[in-house]
Amino acid sequence: MIDAQTQQTFDAFCDLTLPKSDWTHGAHLRVCWAALTTTRDPAATVELLRQTIRAYNTATGVENTATSGYHETLTQYFVGAVASLSPTSILEVVGSSRCSTQAPLRHWSRTLLFSPKARATWIEPDETPLPWPPAKALRTSSNQPPREHS
């Protein structure tokens, strides 16, 4: 069950009314967990976050470019990390070492993780494999629409 603070943060984020100063790492985790709890699908959560983070950034004056704004690899990492925990509360999420701000750097070199390519699309870790199975449905490029099957 989503707690009141997490629901309030999620709603304000989705409505693009969350104050920019409140868009912290903790808020990112709350939004991720609330989205996963709502969709119950990591791929749908990534798509929701991909669209809404970009819109939120625009609404708060943050440009989504090759060097700022939305980051595909980090979004997919944290959705995977939160989903792998199967948490029942936000406390399990924020208390997990998998969800710390530095956790992705256990798997990627700083150079690769903060490259324009990793910001634009999913990049596999170059240091240590992720401790959860890859969710192939999440690994689509953020710059390409899903392919239609004929």
N, C-alpha and C. Protein backbone atom coordinates (compact mmCIF):
# COMPACT_ATOMS: atom_id res chain seq x y z
N MET A 1 0.84 -1.18 0.00
CA MET A 1 0.00 0.00 0.00
C MET A 1 0.89 1.25 0.00
N ILE A 2 0.51 2.20 -0.80
CA ILE A 2 1.28 3.44 -0.92
C ILE A 2 0.92 4.36 0.24
N ASP A 3 1.93 4.84 0.95
CA ASP A 3 1.71 5.76 2.06
C ASP A 3 1.32 7.14 1.53
N ALA A 4 0.75 7.96 2.39
CA ALA A 4 0.21 9.26 2.00
C ALA A 4 1.28 10.18 1.41
N GLN A 5 2.47 10.23 2.01
CA GLN A 5 3.51 11.11 1.50
C GLN A 5 3.96 10.69 0.11
N THR A 6 4.10 9.38 -0.09
CA THR A 6 4.50 8.89 -1.41
C THR A 6 3.42 9.19 -2.44
N GLN A 7 2.16 8.97 -2.07
CA GLN A 7 1.06 9.25 -3.00
C GLN A 7 1.01 10.73 -3.37
N GLN A 8 1.21 11.58 -2.38
CA GLN A 8 1.20 13.03 -2.61
C GLN A 8 2.35 13.42 -3.55
N THR A 9 3.53 12.87 -3.32
CA THR A 9 4.68 13.15 -4.19
C THR A 9 4.42 12.66 -5.60
N PHE A 10 3.90 11.46 -5.71
CA PHE A 10 3.61 10.86 -7.03
C PHE A 10 2.57 11.71 -7.78
N ASP A 11 1.50 12.08 -7.10
CA ASP A 11 0.45 12.88 -7.74
C ASP A 11 0.99 14.23 -8.20
N ALA A 12 1.76 14.90 -7.34
CA ALA A 12 2.31 16.21 -7.71
C ALA A 12 3.29 16.08 -8.87
N PHE A 13 4.08 15.02 -8.88
CA PHE A 13 5.00 14.76 -9.98
C PHE A 13 4.22 14.55 -11.29
N CYS A 14 3.23 13.68 -11.25
CA CYS A 14 2.44 13.38 -12.45
C CYS A 14 1.67 14.60 -12.95
N ASP A 15 1.25 15.46 -12.02
CA ASP A 15 0.54 16.69 -12.39
C ASP A 15 1.50 17.81 -12.78
N LEU A 16 2.79 17.54 -12.67
CA LEU A 16 3.85 18.51 -12.98
C LEU A 16 3.81 19.72 -12.05
N THR A 17 3.31 19.51 -10.81
CA THR A 17 3.24 20.60 -9.84
C THR A 17 4.20 20.42 -8.67
N LEU A 18 4.96 19.34 -8.65
CA LEU A 18 5.93 19.12 -7.58
C LEU A 18 6.98 20.23 -7.66
N PRO A 19 7.21 20.95 -6.56
CA PRO A 19 8.26 21.99 -6.61
C PRO A 19 9.61 21.36 -6.99
N LYS A 20 10.34 22.07 -7.83
CA LYS A 20 11.63 21.56 -8.30
C LYS A 20 12.54 21.22 -7.13
N SER A 21 12.49 22.02 -6.06
CA SER A 21 13.34 21.76 -4.89
C SER A 21 12.98 20.46 -4.18
N ASP A 22 11.79 19.95 -4.43
CA ASP A 22 11.35 18.68 -3.82
C ASP A 22 11.70 17.46 -4.68
N TRP A 23 12.25 17.68 -5.88
CA TRP A 23 12.58 16.58 -6.79
C TRP A 23 13.97 16.04 -6.46
N THR A 24 14.04 15.39 -5.30
CA THR A 24 15.28 14.85 -4.76
C THR A 24 15.42 13.38 -5.14
N HIS A 25 16.53 12.77 -4.75
CA HIS A 25 16.69 11.33 -4.97
C HIS A 25 15.57 10.56 -4.26
N GLY A 26 15.26 10.95 -3.04
CA GLY A 26 14.16 10.31 -2.31
C GLY A 26 12.84 10.43 -3.04
N ALA A 27 12.58 11.58 -3.64
CA ALA A 27 11.34 11.75 -4.42
C ALA A 27 11.35 10.88 -5.66
N HIS A 28 12.50 10.77 -6.32
CA HIS A 28 12.62 9.86 -7.46
C HIS A 28 12.24 8.44 -7.04
N LEU A 29 12.76 7.99 -5.89
CA LEU A 29 12.47 6.63 -5.42
C LEU A 29 10.99 6.47 -5.07
N ARG A 30 10.41 7.47 -4.44
CA ARG A 30 8.97 7.42 -4.12
C ARG A 30 8.14 7.31 -5.39
N VAL A 31 8.47 8.12 -6.38
CA VAL A 31 7.74 8.10 -7.64
C VAL A 31 7.91 6.75 -8.34
N CYS A 32 9.12 6.24 -8.34
CA CYS A 32 9.38 4.94 -8.96
C CYS A 32 8.58 3.85 -8.27
N TRP A 33 8.62 3.80 -6.95
CA TRP A 33 7.89 2.76 -6.22
C TRP A 33 6.38 2.90 -6.42
N ALA A 34 5.87 4.13 -6.36
CA ALA A 34 4.43 4.34 -6.57
C ALA A 34 4.03 3.91 -7.98
N ALA A 35 4.85 4.24 -8.97
CA ALA A 35 4.55 3.84 -10.35
C ALA A 35 4.56 2.32 -10.49
N LEU A 36 5.56 1.66 -9.90
CA LEU A 36 5.60 0.19 -9.95
C LEU A 36 4.41 -0.43 -9.23
N THR A 37 4.04 0.15 -8.11
CA THR A 37 2.90 -0.36 -7.35
C THR A 37 1.61 -0.18 -8.14
N THR A 38 1.53 0.92 -8.88
CA THR A 38 0.33 1.21 -9.67
C THR A 38 0.26 0.36 -10.92
N THR A 39 1.36 0.28 -11.67
CA THR A 39 1.34 -0.43 -12.95
C THR A 39 1.56 -1.94 -12.79
N ARG A 40 2.31 -2.31 -11.76
CA ARG A 40 2.71 -3.71 -11.52
C ARG A 40 3.47 -4.29 -12.71
N ASP A 41 4.12 -3.39 -13.47
CA ASP A 41 4.83 -3.81 -14.67
C ASP A 41 6.05 -2.90 -14.87
N PRO A 42 7.27 -3.45 -14.73
CA PRO A 42 8.46 -2.61 -14.89
C PRO A 42 8.53 -1.89 -16.24
N ALA A 43 8.17 -2.56 -17.33
CA ALA A 43 8.23 -1.90 -18.64
C ALA A 43 7.26 -0.73 -18.71
N ALA A 44 6.06 -0.90 -18.20
CA ALA A 44 5.08 0.19 -18.18
C ALA A 44 5.55 1.31 -17.26
N THR A 45 6.22 0.95 -16.18
CA THR A 45 6.75 1.96 -15.26
C THR A 45 7.83 2.78 -15.94
N VAL A 46 8.74 2.13 -16.65
CA VAL A 46 9.78 2.87 -17.37
C VAL A 46 9.14 3.82 -18.38
N GLU A 47 8.16 3.35 -19.12
CA GLU A 47 7.51 4.21 -20.11
C GLU A 47 6.83 5.40 -19.44
N LEU A 48 6.13 5.17 -18.34
CA LEU A 48 5.48 6.25 -17.60
C LEU A 48 6.53 7.26 -17.12
N LEU A 49 7.60 6.76 -16.51
CA LEU A 49 8.64 7.65 -16.00
C LEU A 49 9.35 8.38 -17.12
N ARG A 50 9.63 7.69 -18.20
CA ARG A 50 10.31 8.30 -19.35
C ARG A 50 9.53 9.53 -19.83
N GLN A 51 8.24 9.35 -20.03
CA GLN A 51 7.40 10.45 -20.53
C GLN A 51 7.23 11.55 -19.48
N THR A 52 6.97 11.16 -18.24
CA THR A 52 6.64 12.14 -17.22
C THR A 52 7.87 12.90 -16.73
N ILE A 53 9.01 12.22 -16.61
CA ILE A 53 10.23 12.94 -16.20
C ILE A 53 10.59 13.99 -17.25
N ARG A 54 10.50 13.63 -18.51
CA ARG A 54 10.79 14.61 -19.56
C ARG A 54 9.83 15.80 -19.47
N ALA A 55 8.55 15.52 -19.30
CA ALA A 55 7.56 16.60 -19.18
C ALA A 55 7.80 17.43 -17.93
N TYR A 56 8.10 16.76 -16.83
CA TYR A 56 8.37 17.46 -15.57
C TYR A 56 9.60 18.36 -15.73
N ASN A 57 10.65 17.83 -16.35
CA ASN A 57 11.85 18.64 -16.56
C ASN A 57 11.51 19.90 -17.36
N THR A 58 10.77 19.73 -18.43
CA THR A 58 10.39 20.88 -19.26
C THR A 58 9.58 21.87 -18.43
N ALA A 59 8.65 21.37 -17.63
CA ALA A 59 7.79 22.24 -16.81
C ALA A 59 8.59 23.01 -15.76
N THR A 60 9.72 22.45 -15.34
CA THR A 60 10.53 23.12 -14.30
C THR A 60 11.77 23.79 -14.88
N GLY A 61 11.83 23.92 -16.20
CA GLY A 61 12.93 24.66 -16.82
C GLY A 61 14.21 23.87 -17.01
N VAL A 62 14.14 22.56 -16.92
CA VAL A 62 15.32 21.71 -17.13
C VAL A 62 15.25 21.17 -18.56
N GLU A 63 16.29 21.41 -19.33
CA GLU A 63 16.33 20.90 -20.70
C GLU A 63 16.70 19.43 -20.71
N ASN A 64 16.05 18.66 -21.57
CA ASN A 64 16.39 17.26 -21.79
C ASN A 64 17.32 17.21 -22.99
N THR A 65 18.62 17.13 -22.70
CA THR A 65 19.63 17.17 -23.75
C THR A 65 20.58 15.97 -23.58
N ALA A 66 21.62 15.95 -24.37
CA ALA A 66 22.62 14.89 -24.27
C ALA A 66 23.41 14.96 -22.97
N THR A 67 23.32 16.08 -22.27
CA THR A 67 24.10 16.24 -21.04
C THR A 67 23.26 16.66 -19.83
N SER A 68 21.97 16.79 -19.98
CA SER A 68 21.14 17.16 -18.83
C SER A 68 19.73 16.62 -18.97
N GLY A 69 19.03 16.59 -17.86
CA GLY A 69 17.64 16.14 -17.88
C GLY A 69 17.52 14.63 -17.80
N TYR A 70 16.54 14.10 -18.52
CA TYR A 70 16.20 12.68 -18.45
C TYR A 70 17.41 11.79 -18.75
N HIS A 71 17.52 10.68 -17.99
CA HIS A 71 18.63 9.73 -18.15
C HIS A 71 18.05 8.32 -18.23
N GLU A 72 18.08 7.74 -19.43
CA GLU A 72 17.46 6.44 -19.67
C GLU A 72 18.09 5.31 -18.86
N THR A 73 19.40 5.22 -18.84
CA THR A 73 20.06 4.12 -18.13
C THR A 73 19.78 4.19 -16.64
N LEU A 74 19.85 5.37 -16.05
CA LEU A 74 19.56 5.49 -14.62
C LEU A 74 18.10 5.18 -14.32
N THR A 75 17.19 5.62 -15.18
CA THR A 75 15.77 5.31 -14.96
C THR A 75 15.56 3.80 -14.97
N GLN A 76 16.10 3.14 -15.97
CA GLN A 76 15.92 1.69 -16.04
C GLN A 76 16.63 0.99 -14.89
N TYR A 77 17.78 1.48 -14.48
CA TYR A 77 18.47 0.88 -13.34
C TYR A 77 17.58 0.94 -12.10
N PHE A 78 17.08 2.12 -11.77
CA PHE A 78 16.31 2.25 -10.53
C PHE A 78 14.97 1.53 -10.59
N VAL A 79 14.32 1.48 -11.74
CA VAL A 79 13.10 0.67 -11.85
C VAL A 79 13.44 -0.79 -11.60
N GLY A 80 14.51 -1.28 -12.20
CA GLY A 80 14.94 -2.66 -11.98
C GLY A 80 15.32 -2.92 -10.53
N ALA A 81 16.03 -1.98 -9.93
CA ALA A 81 16.45 -2.14 -8.53
C ALA A 81 15.25 -2.20 -7.61
N VAL A 82 14.31 -1.28 -7.77
CA VAL A 82 13.12 -1.28 -6.91
C VAL A 82 12.29 -2.54 -7.16
N ALA A 83 12.08 -2.90 -8.41
CA ALA A 83 11.29 -4.09 -8.72
C ALA A 83 11.94 -5.35 -8.14
N SER A 84 13.26 -5.41 -8.13
CA SER A 84 13.96 -6.61 -7.64
C SER A 84 13.78 -6.80 -6.14
N LEU A 85 13.44 -5.73 -5.45
CA LEU A 85 13.25 -5.81 -4.00
C LEU A 85 11.89 -6.38 -3.63
N SER A 86 10.92 -6.29 -4.54
CA SER A 86 9.53 -6.64 -4.24
C SER A 86 9.10 -5.99 -2.93
N PRO A 87 9.27 -4.68 -2.82
CA PRO A 87 9.03 -4.00 -1.54
C PRO A 87 7.54 -3.90 -1.21
N THR A 88 7.27 -3.88 0.08
CA THR A 88 5.90 -3.66 0.54
C THR A 88 5.75 -2.27 1.15
N SER A 89 6.87 -1.55 1.27
CA SER A 89 6.79 -0.18 1.78
C SER A 89 7.93 0.64 1.20
N ILE A 90 7.75 1.95 1.23
CA ILE A 90 8.79 2.85 0.73
C ILE A 90 10.04 2.76 1.59
N LEU A 91 9.89 2.40 2.85
CA LEU A 91 11.06 2.28 3.74
C LEU A 91 12.01 1.20 3.24
N GLU A 92 11.48 0.13 2.68
CA GLU A 92 12.33 -0.92 2.12
C GLU A 92 13.10 -0.41 0.91
N VAL A 93 12.50 0.48 0.18
CA VAL A 93 13.14 1.03 -1.02
C VAL A 93 14.27 1.99 -0.62
N VAL A 94 13.93 2.99 0.19
CA VAL A 94 14.95 3.99 0.54
C VAL A 94 16.05 3.42 1.41
N GLY A 95 15.78 2.32 2.10
CA GLY A 95 16.79 1.70 2.95
C GLY A 95 17.68 0.69 2.25
N SER A 96 17.39 0.40 1.00
CA SER A 96 18.16 -0.60 0.26
C SER A 96 19.43 0.00 -0.34
N SER A 97 20.53 -0.72 -0.21
CA SER A 97 21.78 -0.26 -0.81
C SER A 97 21.67 -0.23 -2.34
N ARG A 98 20.78 -1.03 -2.91
CA ARG A 98 20.57 -1.01 -4.37
C ARG A 98 19.99 0.30 -4.85
N CYS A 99 19.39 1.04 -3.94
CA CYS A 99 18.70 2.28 -4.30
C CYS A 99 19.42 3.54 -3.85
N SER A 100 20.64 3.40 -3.37
CA SER A 100 21.40 4.59 -2.95
C SER A 100 21.82 5.37 -4.20
N THR A 101 22.15 6.62 -4.00
CA THR A 101 22.56 7.45 -5.14
C THR A 101 23.81 6.91 -5.83
N GLN A 102 24.68 6.25 -5.07
CA GLN A 102 25.93 5.74 -5.62
C GLN A 102 25.82 4.31 -6.17
N ALA A 103 24.69 3.65 -5.95
CA ALA A 103 24.54 2.24 -6.34
C ALA A 103 24.84 1.97 -7.82
N PRO A 104 24.38 2.80 -8.76
CA PRO A 104 24.69 2.50 -10.16
C PRO A 104 26.19 2.46 -10.46
N LEU A 105 26.98 3.21 -9.68
CA LEU A 105 28.43 3.23 -9.92
C LEU A 105 29.11 1.94 -9.47
N ARG A 106 28.39 1.03 -8.86
CA ARG A 106 28.91 -0.32 -8.60
C ARG A 106 28.90 -1.15 -9.88
N HIS A 107 28.14 -0.70 -10.87
CA HIS A 107 27.93 -1.48 -12.09
C HIS A 107 28.49 -0.82 -13.34
N TRP A 108 28.54 0.50 -13.35
CA TRP A 108 29.05 1.24 -14.50
C TRP A 108 30.22 2.12 -14.10
N SER A 109 31.13 2.29 -15.00
CA SER A 109 32.17 3.31 -14.79
C SER A 109 31.48 4.67 -14.88
N ARG A 110 32.02 5.63 -14.17
CA ARG A 110 31.47 6.99 -14.20
C ARG A 110 31.44 7.52 -15.63
N THR A 111 32.52 7.26 -16.39
CA THR A 111 32.61 7.76 -17.76
C THR A 111 31.46 7.23 -18.61
N LEU A 112 31.19 5.94 -18.54
CA LEU A 112 30.11 5.38 -19.35
C LEU A 112 28.74 5.82 -18.84
N LEU A 113 28.54 5.75 -17.53
CA LEU A 113 27.23 6.06 -16.98
C LEU A 113 26.79 7.50 -17.28
N PHE A 114 27.73 8.41 -17.28
CA PHE A 114 27.37 9.81 -17.51
C PHE A 114 27.66 10.27 -18.94
N SER A 115 27.76 9.31 -19.83
CA SER A 115 27.96 9.63 -21.25
C SER A 115 26.61 10.00 -21.89
N PRO A 116 26.66 10.77 -22.97
CA PRO A 116 25.42 11.08 -23.69
C PRO A 116 24.68 9.82 -24.15
N LYS A 117 25.41 8.78 -24.53
CA LYS A 117 24.76 7.55 -25.00
C LYS A 117 23.96 6.89 -23.87
N ALA A 118 24.52 6.83 -22.66
CA ALA A 118 23.80 6.23 -21.53
C ALA A 118 22.61 7.08 -21.11
N ARG A 119 22.70 8.37 -21.32
CA ARG A 119 21.57 9.25 -21.02
C ARG A 119 20.44 9.01 -22.02
N ALA A 120 20.79 8.75 -23.27
CA ALA A 120 19.80 8.63 -24.34
C ALA A 120 19.17 7.24 -24.45
N THR A 121 19.93 6.21 -24.08
CA THR A 121 19.45 4.85 -24.30
C THR A 121 20.02 3.94 -23.22
N TRP A 122 19.45 2.74 -23.07
CA TRP A 122 19.96 1.77 -22.11
C TRP A 122 21.34 1.29 -22.54
N ILE A 123 22.27 1.29 -21.61
CA ILE A 123 23.62 0.78 -21.83
C ILE A 123 23.88 -0.28 -20.76
N GLU A 124 24.34 -1.44 -21.19
CA GLU A 124 24.67 -2.52 -20.25
C GLU A 124 25.83 -2.09 -19.35
N PRO A 125 25.85 -2.57 -18.11
CA PRO A 125 26.97 -2.24 -17.20
C PRO A 125 28.32 -2.67 -17.77
N ASP A 126 29.33 -1.87 -17.52
CA ASP A 126 30.68 -2.21 -17.97
C ASP A 126 31.59 -2.63 -16.82
N GLU A 127 31.08 -2.62 -15.59
CA GLU A 127 31.88 -2.99 -14.43
C GLU A 127 31.40 -4.32 -13.84
N THR A 128 30.25 -4.32 -13.22
CA THR A 128 29.72 -5.50 -12.54
C THR A 128 28.31 -5.75 -13.05
N PRO A 129 27.97 -6.99 -13.40
CA PRO A 129 26.60 -7.28 -13.86
C PRO A 129 25.58 -6.95 -12.77
N LEU A 130 24.38 -6.62 -13.20
CA LEU A 130 23.31 -6.35 -12.24
C LEU A 130 22.93 -7.65 -11.52
N PRO A 131 22.56 -7.57 -10.24
CA PRO A 131 22.22 -8.77 -9.48
C PRO A 131 20.80 -9.27 -9.71
N TRP A 132 20.09 -8.70 -10.65
CA TRP A 132 18.76 -9.17 -11.01
C TRP A 132 18.77 -9.42 -12.50
N PRO A 133 17.89 -10.32 -12.95
CA PRO A 133 17.88 -10.62 -14.39
C PRO A 133 17.45 -9.40 -15.20
N PRO A 134 18.03 -9.23 -16.36
CA PRO A 134 17.64 -8.09 -17.19
C PRO A 134 16.19 -8.24 -17.64
N ALA A 135 15.50 -7.16 -17.66
CA ALA A 135 14.13 -7.16 -18.16
C ALA A 135 14.19 -6.66 -19.60
N LYS A 136 14.22 -7.58 -20.53
CA LYS A 136 14.41 -7.22 -21.93
C LYS A 136 13.37 -6.22 -22.43
N ALA A 137 12.18 -6.27 -21.87
CA ALA A 137 11.14 -5.33 -22.29
C ALA A 137 11.52 -3.89 -21.97
N LEU A 138 12.42 -3.70 -21.03
CA LEU A 138 12.82 -2.35 -20.66
C LEU A 138 13.90 -1.81 -21.56
N ARG A 139 14.55 -2.64 -22.32
CA ARG A 139 15.77 -2.26 -23.00
C ARG A 139 15.57 -1.61 -24.35
N THR A 140 14.45 -0.97 -24.58
CA THR A 140 14.25 -0.26 -25.84
C THR A 140 14.86 1.12 -25.73
N SER A 141 15.30 1.63 -26.83
CA SER A 141 15.90 2.96 -26.84
C SER A 141 14.83 4.00 -26.57
N SER A 142 15.19 5.01 -25.83
CA SER A 142 14.26 6.10 -25.55
C SER A 142 14.07 7.00 -26.77
N ASN A 143 14.92 6.84 -27.76
CA ASN A 143 14.83 7.72 -28.92
C ASN A 143 14.09 7.10 -30.09
N GLN A 144 13.64 5.87 -29.93
CA GLN A 144 12.97 5.19 -31.02
C GLN A 144 11.60 4.71 -30.56
N PRO A 145 10.58 4.87 -31.41
CA PRO A 145 9.28 4.33 -31.04
C PRO A 145 9.33 2.81 -31.07
N PRO A 146 8.44 2.12 -30.32
CA PRO A 146 8.41 0.67 -30.37
C PRO A 146 8.14 0.22 -31.80
N ARG A 147 8.74 -0.88 -32.18
CA ARG A 147 8.54 -1.41 -33.52
C ARG A 147 7.21 -2.13 -33.60
N GLU A 148 6.54 -1.92 -34.72
CA GLU A 148 5.28 -2.62 -34.94
C GLU A 148 5.61 -3.94 -35.60
N HIS A 149 4.93 -5.00 -35.17
CA HIS A 149 5.13 -6.32 -35.77
C HIS A 149 4.05 -6.54 -36.81
N SER A 150 4.48 -7.05 -37.99
CA SER A 150 3.48 -7.32 -39.03
C SER A 150 3.15 -8.78 -39.10
